[in-house]
Amino acid sequence: MDEEDVDKFKINWMSSKEAAAYLGISLQTLYKFIDDGSLGAFHMGRVIRLRYEDVLEFLEGQRITKGELSQLLRRKEAPEVEVDVATPKTNDKAAKINSVRQRARTLLLIERERIARALEEIDRALAEEDFDDDFEPSFGTSKSEDPEANEGSE
C-alpha cells in the first residue's frame, strides 16, 4: 500500500477539548451531546475521540431554520388598559375610599395578568432551551472595581 492509499483511509481525529473549543461550547455540553446520541464519539481507552467529519455533520444539523426562533422573539404586548385613577368627585369619605380601593384592585389584577403572561413565556422558553452548564455568575467585585475597598490601601 503506497502513501496515497494510506491517506485515503486516514481519519482526522479531535480530542474532546478540541471539539468543544471548535464548537464554542463547554466540555460538559459536549459530553451531553455525546451522551444523548446527537454527536458521535469513540471511547479509546481512557480518552474520547471525535471524527472531524462527525463534528462538522453535527454542526450542520444545528443550523437554525426559518421560523424556528419565532417563539423566542418578543411578541406584541397586549395594549395597555387605561384605568381612570382620578379621585371621585364626591364629598362622601366612605365613597372615596371604596372608589380608591376598587381602582387599586383593578390595577392589581391587570399587573397579575401581565406577570402571569410573562411567566408563561419564560416557562415556554425554558422548556425549549438547552442551556450550557458552564455558566458561572460572578459575585462580588475585585479590588480595582470597588473604590471603597481601595480606601484603606492608600
N, C-alpha and C. Protein backbone atom coordinates (compact mmCIF):
# COMPACT_ATOMS: atom_id res chain seq x y z
N MET A 1 0.85 -1.17 0.00
CA MET A 1 0.00 0.00 0.00
C MET A 1 0.90 1.24 0.00
N ASP A 2 0.70 2.12 -0.96
CA ASP A 2 1.54 3.31 -1.01
C ASP A 2 0.94 4.43 -0.15
N GLU A 3 1.66 5.55 -0.04
CA GLU A 3 1.27 6.65 0.83
C GLU A 3 -0.09 7.25 0.45
N GLU A 4 -0.41 7.28 -0.82
CA GLU A 4 -1.68 7.82 -1.29
C GLU A 4 -2.85 6.99 -0.79
N ASP A 5 -2.69 5.67 -0.81
CA ASP A 5 -3.74 4.79 -0.30
C ASP A 5 -3.94 4.95 1.20
N VAL A 6 -2.83 5.14 1.93
CA VAL A 6 -2.91 5.32 3.38
C VAL A 6 -3.67 6.61 3.69
N ASP A 7 -3.39 7.71 2.97
CA ASP A 7 -4.07 8.99 3.19
C ASP A 7 -5.57 8.87 2.93
N LYS A 8 -5.95 8.00 2.03
CA LYS A 8 -7.35 7.81 1.69
C LYS A 8 -8.13 7.26 2.89
N PHE A 9 -7.49 6.46 3.73
CA PHE A 9 -8.15 5.84 4.87
C PHE A 9 -7.88 6.57 6.19
N LYS A 10 -7.11 7.63 6.14
CA LYS A 10 -6.74 8.37 7.35
C LYS A 10 -7.97 9.11 7.90
N ILE A 11 -8.15 9.05 9.23
CA ILE A 11 -9.25 9.72 9.90
C ILE A 11 -8.68 10.92 10.64
N ASN A 12 -9.35 12.06 10.50
CA ASN A 12 -8.96 13.27 11.24
C ASN A 12 -9.67 13.26 12.59
N TRP A 13 -8.90 12.96 13.65
CA TRP A 13 -9.46 12.87 14.99
C TRP A 13 -9.35 14.19 15.72
N MET A 14 -10.30 14.41 16.62
CA MET A 14 -10.28 15.57 17.51
C MET A 14 -10.44 15.07 18.94
N SER A 15 -9.75 15.72 19.86
CA SER A 15 -9.96 15.41 21.28
C SER A 15 -11.25 16.09 21.72
N SER A 16 -11.72 15.74 22.90
CA SER A 16 -12.93 16.37 23.44
C SER A 16 -12.73 17.88 23.58
N LYS A 17 -11.58 18.27 24.10
CA LYS A 17 -11.31 19.69 24.28
C LYS A 17 -11.27 20.42 22.94
N GLU A 18 -10.65 19.82 21.95
CA GLU A 18 -10.59 20.44 20.63
C GLU A 18 -11.98 20.59 20.03
N ALA A 19 -12.80 19.54 20.16
CA ALA A 19 -14.16 19.58 19.60
C ALA A 19 -15.00 20.64 20.32
N ALA A 20 -14.90 20.69 21.65
CA ALA A 20 -15.65 21.68 22.41
C ALA A 20 -15.24 23.10 22.02
N ALA A 21 -13.93 23.31 21.90
CA ALA A 21 -13.44 24.63 21.50
C ALA A 21 -13.88 24.97 20.08
N TYR A 22 -13.84 24.00 19.19
CA TYR A 22 -14.25 24.21 17.80
C TYR A 22 -15.73 24.60 17.73
N LEU A 23 -16.56 23.94 18.54
CA LEU A 23 -17.99 24.21 18.55
C LEU A 23 -18.36 25.42 19.41
N GLY A 24 -17.42 25.87 20.24
CA GLY A 24 -17.69 27.02 21.10
C GLY A 24 -18.60 26.68 22.27
N ILE A 25 -18.47 25.46 22.79
CA ILE A 25 -19.30 25.01 23.91
C ILE A 25 -18.40 24.47 25.02
N SER A 26 -18.97 24.22 26.17
CA SER A 26 -18.19 23.66 27.28
C SER A 26 -18.01 22.15 27.07
N LEU A 27 -17.05 21.59 27.78
CA LEU A 27 -16.86 20.14 27.74
C LEU A 27 -18.12 19.43 28.25
N GLN A 28 -18.73 19.99 29.28
CA GLN A 28 -19.94 19.39 29.86
C GLN A 28 -21.05 19.30 28.81
N THR A 29 -21.23 20.37 28.03
CA THR A 29 -22.25 20.38 26.98
C THR A 29 -21.88 19.39 25.88
N LEU A 30 -20.61 19.33 25.54
CA LEU A 30 -20.15 18.36 24.53
C LEU A 30 -20.49 16.94 24.98
N TYR A 31 -20.18 16.63 26.24
CA TYR A 31 -20.47 15.29 26.77
C TYR A 31 -21.98 15.02 26.77
N LYS A 32 -22.79 16.05 27.02
CA LYS A 32 -24.24 15.89 26.99
C LYS A 32 -24.69 15.51 25.57
N PHE A 33 -24.14 16.17 24.55
CA PHE A 33 -24.48 15.85 23.16
C PHE A 33 -24.04 14.43 22.80
N ILE A 34 -22.87 14.03 23.29
CA ILE A 34 -22.38 12.68 23.02
C ILE A 34 -23.28 11.66 23.72
N ASP A 35 -23.61 11.94 24.98
CA ASP A 35 -24.41 11.01 25.77
C ASP A 35 -25.82 10.82 25.21
N ASP A 36 -26.42 11.91 24.68
CA ASP A 36 -27.78 11.75 24.16
C ASP A 36 -27.80 11.28 22.71
N GLY A 37 -26.62 11.01 22.15
CA GLY A 37 -26.54 10.44 20.80
C GLY A 37 -26.57 11.46 19.68
N SER A 38 -26.60 12.74 20.02
CA SER A 38 -26.61 13.78 18.99
C SER A 38 -25.29 13.87 18.25
N LEU A 39 -24.21 13.55 18.95
CA LEU A 39 -22.87 13.67 18.39
C LEU A 39 -22.13 12.36 18.59
N GLY A 40 -21.66 11.79 17.50
CA GLY A 40 -20.94 10.53 17.58
C GLY A 40 -19.53 10.72 18.12
N ALA A 41 -19.10 9.79 18.94
CA ALA A 41 -17.75 9.84 19.50
C ALA A 41 -17.28 8.42 19.75
N PHE A 42 -15.98 8.30 19.98
CA PHE A 42 -15.36 6.99 20.20
C PHE A 42 -14.58 7.02 21.50
N HIS A 43 -14.76 5.96 22.27
CA HIS A 43 -14.02 5.80 23.52
C HIS A 43 -12.81 4.94 23.23
N MET A 44 -11.63 5.49 23.36
CA MET A 44 -10.40 4.75 23.08
C MET A 44 -9.57 4.72 24.35
N GLY A 45 -9.73 3.64 25.09
CA GLY A 45 -9.04 3.56 26.37
C GLY A 45 -9.67 4.56 27.32
N ARG A 46 -8.86 5.50 27.81
CA ARG A 46 -9.35 6.48 28.77
C ARG A 46 -9.72 7.81 28.12
N VAL A 47 -9.61 7.90 26.81
CA VAL A 47 -9.92 9.17 26.14
C VAL A 47 -11.10 9.02 25.19
N ILE A 48 -11.71 10.13 24.91
CA ILE A 48 -12.81 10.17 23.95
C ILE A 48 -12.30 10.93 22.74
N ARG A 49 -12.53 10.35 21.58
CA ARG A 49 -12.10 10.98 20.32
C ARG A 49 -13.32 11.15 19.44
N LEU A 50 -13.30 12.23 18.65
CA LEU A 50 -14.39 12.52 17.72
C LEU A 50 -13.80 12.69 16.33
N ARG A 51 -14.52 12.21 15.35
CA ARG A 51 -14.08 12.41 13.98
C ARG A 51 -14.46 13.83 13.56
N TYR A 52 -13.53 14.50 12.92
CA TYR A 52 -13.76 15.86 12.45
C TYR A 52 -15.02 15.92 11.58
N GLU A 53 -15.20 14.94 10.73
CA GLU A 53 -16.36 14.90 9.84
C GLU A 53 -17.67 14.79 10.63
N ASP A 54 -17.65 14.01 11.74
CA ASP A 54 -18.84 13.88 12.57
C ASP A 54 -19.18 15.22 13.26
N VAL A 55 -18.14 15.92 13.69
CA VAL A 55 -18.35 17.22 14.33
C VAL A 55 -18.96 18.20 13.33
N LEU A 56 -18.44 18.20 12.09
CA LEU A 56 -18.99 19.08 11.06
C LEU A 56 -20.45 18.72 10.74
N GLU A 57 -20.73 17.43 10.68
CA GLU A 57 -22.11 16.98 10.40
C GLU A 57 -23.05 17.40 11.53
N PHE A 58 -22.58 17.24 12.78
CA PHE A 58 -23.37 17.66 13.93
C PHE A 58 -23.64 19.16 13.86
N LEU A 59 -22.59 19.92 13.57
CA LEU A 59 -22.71 21.37 13.50
C LEU A 59 -23.73 21.78 12.44
N GLU A 60 -23.70 21.14 11.30
CA GLU A 60 -24.65 21.46 10.23
C GLU A 60 -26.07 21.12 10.66
N GLY A 61 -26.23 20.08 11.44
CA GLY A 61 -27.55 19.69 11.93
C GLY A 61 -28.13 20.67 12.94
N GLN A 62 -27.29 21.52 13.50
CA GLN A 62 -27.75 22.50 14.49
C GLN A 62 -28.17 23.82 13.84
N ARG A 63 -28.07 23.90 12.52
CA ARG A 63 -28.41 25.14 11.82
C ARG A 63 -29.87 25.49 12.08
N ILE A 64 -30.12 26.75 12.35
CA ILE A 64 -31.47 27.24 12.63
C ILE A 64 -32.18 27.47 11.31
N THR A 65 -33.40 26.98 11.23
CA THR A 65 -34.19 27.16 10.02
C THR A 65 -35.14 28.33 10.20
N LYS A 66 -35.64 28.83 9.10
CA LYS A 66 -36.54 29.97 9.11
C LYS A 66 -37.76 29.68 9.97
N GLY A 67 -38.08 30.61 10.86
CA GLY A 67 -39.25 30.48 11.71
C GLY A 67 -39.03 29.67 12.97
N GLU A 68 -37.87 29.07 13.12
CA GLU A 68 -37.61 28.21 14.28
C GLU A 68 -37.53 29.00 15.59
N LEU A 69 -37.13 30.24 15.51
CA LEU A 69 -36.98 31.05 16.72
C LEU A 69 -38.17 31.94 17.01
N SER A 70 -39.24 31.77 16.28
CA SER A 70 -40.38 32.67 16.44
C SER A 70 -40.91 32.68 17.86
N GLN A 71 -40.83 31.55 18.57
CA GLN A 71 -41.33 31.52 19.93
C GLN A 71 -40.44 32.31 20.88
N LEU A 72 -39.19 32.58 20.49
CA LEU A 72 -38.28 33.34 21.36
C LEU A 72 -38.34 34.84 21.10
N LEU A 73 -38.88 35.20 19.94
CA LEU A 73 -38.96 36.61 19.61
C LEU A 73 -40.04 37.26 20.45
N ARG A 74 -39.80 38.49 20.78
CA ARG A 74 -40.74 39.22 21.62
C ARG A 74 -42.08 39.36 20.89
N ARG A 75 -43.10 38.90 21.54
CA ARG A 75 -44.44 39.01 20.96
C ARG A 75 -44.97 40.41 21.21
N LYS A 76 -45.93 40.80 20.39
CA LYS A 76 -46.56 42.09 20.61
C LYS A 76 -47.26 42.07 21.95
N GLU A 77 -47.01 43.11 22.71
CA GLU A 77 -47.64 43.22 24.01
C GLU A 77 -49.12 43.55 23.84
N ALA A 78 -49.90 43.07 24.77
CA ALA A 78 -51.31 43.44 24.76
C ALA A 78 -51.40 44.94 25.01
N PRO A 79 -52.33 45.59 24.39
CA PRO A 79 -52.43 47.04 24.58
C PRO A 79 -52.66 47.37 26.05
N GLU A 80 -52.06 48.46 26.46
CA GLU A 80 -52.22 48.89 27.84
C GLU A 80 -53.68 49.21 28.11
N VAL A 81 -54.16 48.79 29.25
CA VAL A 81 -55.54 49.08 29.62
C VAL A 81 -55.54 50.40 30.37
N GLU A 82 -56.32 51.32 29.88
CA GLU A 82 -56.43 52.61 30.54
C GLU A 82 -57.39 52.48 31.71
N VAL A 83 -56.91 52.88 32.87
CA VAL A 83 -57.75 52.83 34.06
C VAL A 83 -57.83 54.24 34.60
N ASP A 84 -59.03 54.70 34.83
CA ASP A 84 -59.24 56.04 35.36
C ASP A 84 -58.90 56.02 36.84
N VAL A 85 -57.84 56.71 37.20
CA VAL A 85 -57.42 56.73 38.60
C VAL A 85 -57.68 58.08 39.25
N ALA A 86 -58.50 58.89 38.62
CA ALA A 86 -58.84 60.21 39.18
C ALA A 86 -59.66 60.03 40.44
N THR A 87 -59.52 60.97 41.33
CA THR A 87 -60.29 60.94 42.57
C THR A 87 -61.75 61.25 42.26
N PRO A 88 -62.67 60.47 42.82
CA PRO A 88 -64.09 60.72 42.53
C PRO A 88 -64.52 62.09 43.06
N LYS A 89 -65.46 62.67 42.37
CA LYS A 89 -65.96 64.00 42.73
C LYS A 89 -67.13 63.85 43.70
N THR A 90 -66.80 63.53 44.92
CA THR A 90 -67.83 63.39 45.94
C THR A 90 -67.25 63.81 47.28
N ASN A 91 -68.10 64.24 48.16
CA ASN A 91 -67.65 64.65 49.50
C ASN A 91 -67.77 63.51 50.50
N ASP A 92 -68.37 62.39 50.09
CA ASP A 92 -68.56 61.25 50.97
C ASP A 92 -67.23 60.50 51.11
N LYS A 93 -66.64 60.53 52.31
CA LYS A 93 -65.33 59.92 52.56
C LYS A 93 -65.35 58.41 52.29
N ALA A 94 -66.39 57.72 52.70
CA ALA A 94 -66.50 56.28 52.50
C ALA A 94 -66.56 55.95 51.01
N ALA A 95 -67.27 56.74 50.24
CA ALA A 95 -67.37 56.50 48.79
C ALA A 95 -66.01 56.70 48.13
N LYS A 96 -65.26 57.70 48.58
CA LYS A 96 -63.93 57.95 48.03
C LYS A 96 -63.00 56.77 48.33
N ILE A 97 -63.05 56.29 49.57
CA ILE A 97 -62.19 55.17 49.98
C ILE A 97 -62.54 53.92 49.17
N ASN A 98 -63.83 53.63 49.02
CA ASN A 98 -64.24 52.46 48.24
C ASN A 98 -63.82 52.59 46.78
N SER A 99 -63.93 53.79 46.24
CA SER A 99 -63.54 54.01 44.85
C SER A 99 -62.03 53.79 44.66
N VAL A 100 -61.24 54.30 45.59
CA VAL A 100 -59.79 54.12 45.52
C VAL A 100 -59.43 52.64 45.66
N ARG A 101 -60.10 51.95 46.57
CA ARG A 101 -59.85 50.51 46.73
C ARG A 101 -60.19 49.74 45.45
N GLN A 102 -61.30 50.08 44.83
CA GLN A 102 -61.71 49.41 43.59
C GLN A 102 -60.68 49.64 42.49
N ARG A 103 -60.19 50.89 42.37
CA ARG A 103 -59.16 51.19 41.36
C ARG A 103 -57.88 50.42 41.65
N ALA A 104 -57.52 50.33 42.93
CA ALA A 104 -56.32 49.58 43.30
C ALA A 104 -56.46 48.11 42.95
N ARG A 105 -57.63 47.52 43.22
CA ARG A 105 -57.88 46.12 42.86
C ARG A 105 -57.78 45.91 41.35
N THR A 106 -58.35 46.85 40.59
CA THR A 106 -58.30 46.75 39.13
C THR A 106 -56.86 46.78 38.63
N LEU A 107 -56.08 47.73 39.15
CA LEU A 107 -54.67 47.82 38.74
C LEU A 107 -53.90 46.56 39.14
N LEU A 108 -54.18 46.04 40.31
CA LEU A 108 -53.53 44.82 40.78
C LEU A 108 -53.85 43.64 39.88
N LEU A 109 -55.10 43.50 39.49
CA LEU A 109 -55.50 42.40 38.59
C LEU A 109 -54.80 42.52 37.24
N ILE A 110 -54.69 43.73 36.73
CA ILE A 110 -54.01 43.95 35.45
C ILE A 110 -52.54 43.53 35.56
N GLU A 111 -51.88 43.93 36.64
CA GLU A 111 -50.47 43.59 36.84
C GLU A 111 -50.29 42.09 37.03
N ARG A 112 -51.18 41.45 37.77
CA ARG A 112 -51.11 40.00 37.96
C ARG A 112 -51.21 39.27 36.62
N GLU A 113 -52.12 39.73 35.77
CA GLU A 113 -52.29 39.11 34.45
C GLU A 113 -51.03 39.30 33.61
N ARG A 114 -50.44 40.48 33.65
CA ARG A 114 -49.21 40.75 32.89
C ARG A 114 -48.06 39.86 33.39
N ILE A 115 -47.96 39.71 34.70
CA ILE A 115 -46.91 38.87 35.27
C ILE A 115 -47.14 37.40 34.90
N ALA A 116 -48.38 36.96 34.95
CA ALA A 116 -48.70 35.57 34.58
C ALA A 116 -48.31 35.29 33.13
N ARG A 117 -48.62 36.24 32.22
CA ARG A 117 -48.24 36.05 30.81
C ARG A 117 -46.72 36.00 30.66
N ALA A 118 -46.01 36.86 31.38
CA ALA A 118 -44.55 36.87 31.31
C ALA A 118 -43.97 35.55 31.82
N LEU A 119 -44.52 35.03 32.92
CA LEU A 119 -44.04 33.76 33.47
C LEU A 119 -44.32 32.60 32.53
N GLU A 120 -45.47 32.62 31.86
CA GLU A 120 -45.77 31.57 30.88
C GLU A 120 -44.77 31.60 29.74
N GLU A 121 -44.42 32.81 29.28
CA GLU A 121 -43.44 32.94 28.20
C GLU A 121 -42.08 32.43 28.63
N ILE A 122 -41.70 32.74 29.87
CA ILE A 122 -40.41 32.27 30.39
C ILE A 122 -40.41 30.75 30.49
N ASP A 123 -41.48 30.17 31.03
CA ASP A 123 -41.58 28.71 31.14
C ASP A 123 -41.50 28.05 29.76
N ARG A 124 -42.17 28.63 28.78
CA ARG A 124 -42.15 28.08 27.43
C ARG A 124 -40.73 28.14 26.85
N ALA A 125 -40.05 29.26 27.06
CA ALA A 125 -38.69 29.40 26.55
C ALA A 125 -37.73 28.44 27.26
N LEU A 126 -37.90 28.28 28.57
CA LEU A 126 -37.03 27.37 29.33
C LEU A 126 -37.25 25.93 28.91
N ALA A 127 -38.48 25.56 28.61
CA ALA A 127 -38.77 24.19 28.20
C ALA A 127 -38.15 23.85 26.87
N GLU A 128 -37.95 24.85 26.03
CA GLU A 128 -37.42 24.61 24.69
C GLU A 128 -35.94 24.90 24.58
N GLU A 129 -35.33 25.45 25.60
CA GLU A 129 -33.93 25.89 25.54
C GLU A 129 -33.01 24.83 26.12
N ASP A 130 -31.82 24.71 25.53
CA ASP A 130 -30.78 23.83 26.06
C ASP A 130 -29.67 24.74 26.56
N PHE A 131 -29.53 24.83 27.87
CA PHE A 131 -28.57 25.75 28.44
C PHE A 131 -27.22 25.10 28.62
N ASP A 132 -26.17 25.89 28.45
CA ASP A 132 -24.82 25.43 28.73
C ASP A 132 -24.65 25.31 30.24
N ASP A 133 -23.97 24.28 30.67
CA ASP A 133 -23.73 24.09 32.09
C ASP A 133 -22.53 24.87 32.59
N ASP A 134 -21.84 25.57 31.69
CA ASP A 134 -20.62 26.24 32.09
C ASP A 134 -20.84 27.69 32.52
N PHE A 135 -22.10 28.13 32.66
CA PHE A 135 -22.38 29.49 33.09
C PHE A 135 -22.05 29.61 34.56
N GLU A 136 -21.18 30.55 34.89
CA GLU A 136 -20.80 30.78 36.28
C GLU A 136 -20.96 32.27 36.56
N PRO A 137 -22.00 32.64 37.30
CA PRO A 137 -22.16 34.06 37.61
C PRO A 137 -21.04 34.53 38.52
N SER A 138 -20.60 35.76 38.34
CA SER A 138 -19.54 36.30 39.19
C SER A 138 -20.17 37.21 40.22
N PHE A 139 -19.89 36.92 41.47
CA PHE A 139 -20.42 37.71 42.55
C PHE A 139 -19.29 38.50 43.18
N GLY A 140 -19.62 39.66 43.71
CA GLY A 140 -18.61 40.49 44.35
C GLY A 140 -17.84 41.30 43.33
N THR A 141 -16.93 42.08 43.84
CA THR A 141 -16.10 42.90 42.95
C THR A 141 -14.64 42.73 43.33
N SER A 142 -13.79 42.97 42.38
CA SER A 142 -12.36 42.91 42.67
C SER A 142 -11.93 44.23 43.30
N LYS A 143 -10.71 44.29 43.79
CA LYS A 143 -10.21 45.50 44.43
C LYS A 143 -10.26 46.69 43.49
N SER A 144 -9.86 46.47 42.24
CA SER A 144 -9.80 47.58 41.30
C SER A 144 -11.19 48.09 40.95
N GLU A 145 -12.23 47.28 41.12
CA GLU A 145 -13.58 47.70 40.77
C GLU A 145 -14.31 48.34 41.94
N ASP A 146 -13.88 48.09 43.18
CA ASP A 146 -14.59 48.57 44.35
C ASP A 146 -13.78 49.70 44.99
N PRO A 147 -14.18 50.97 44.80
CA PRO A 147 -13.40 52.09 45.33
C PRO A 147 -13.33 52.09 46.84
N GLU A 148 -14.38 51.60 47.53
CA GLU A 148 -14.36 51.58 49.00
C GLU A 148 -13.33 50.59 49.52
N ALA A 149 -13.10 49.50 48.83
CA ALA A 149 -12.13 48.50 49.26
C ALA A 149 -10.72 49.03 49.11
N ASN A 150 -10.50 49.99 48.23
CA ASN A 150 -9.16 50.53 47.98
C ASN A 150 -8.82 51.68 48.93
N GLU A 151 -9.78 52.17 49.72
CA GLU A 151 -9.53 53.32 50.59
C GLU A 151 -8.44 53.02 51.61
N GLY A 152 -8.47 51.87 52.22
CA GLY A 152 -7.51 51.55 53.27
C GLY A 152 -6.12 51.23 52.73
N SER A 153 -6.00 50.96 51.45
CA SER A 153 -4.71 50.55 50.90
C SER A 153 -3.88 51.73 50.44
N GLU A 154 -4.41 52.97 50.53
CA GLU A 154 -3.65 54.14 50.07
C GLU A 154 -2.86 54.77 51.17
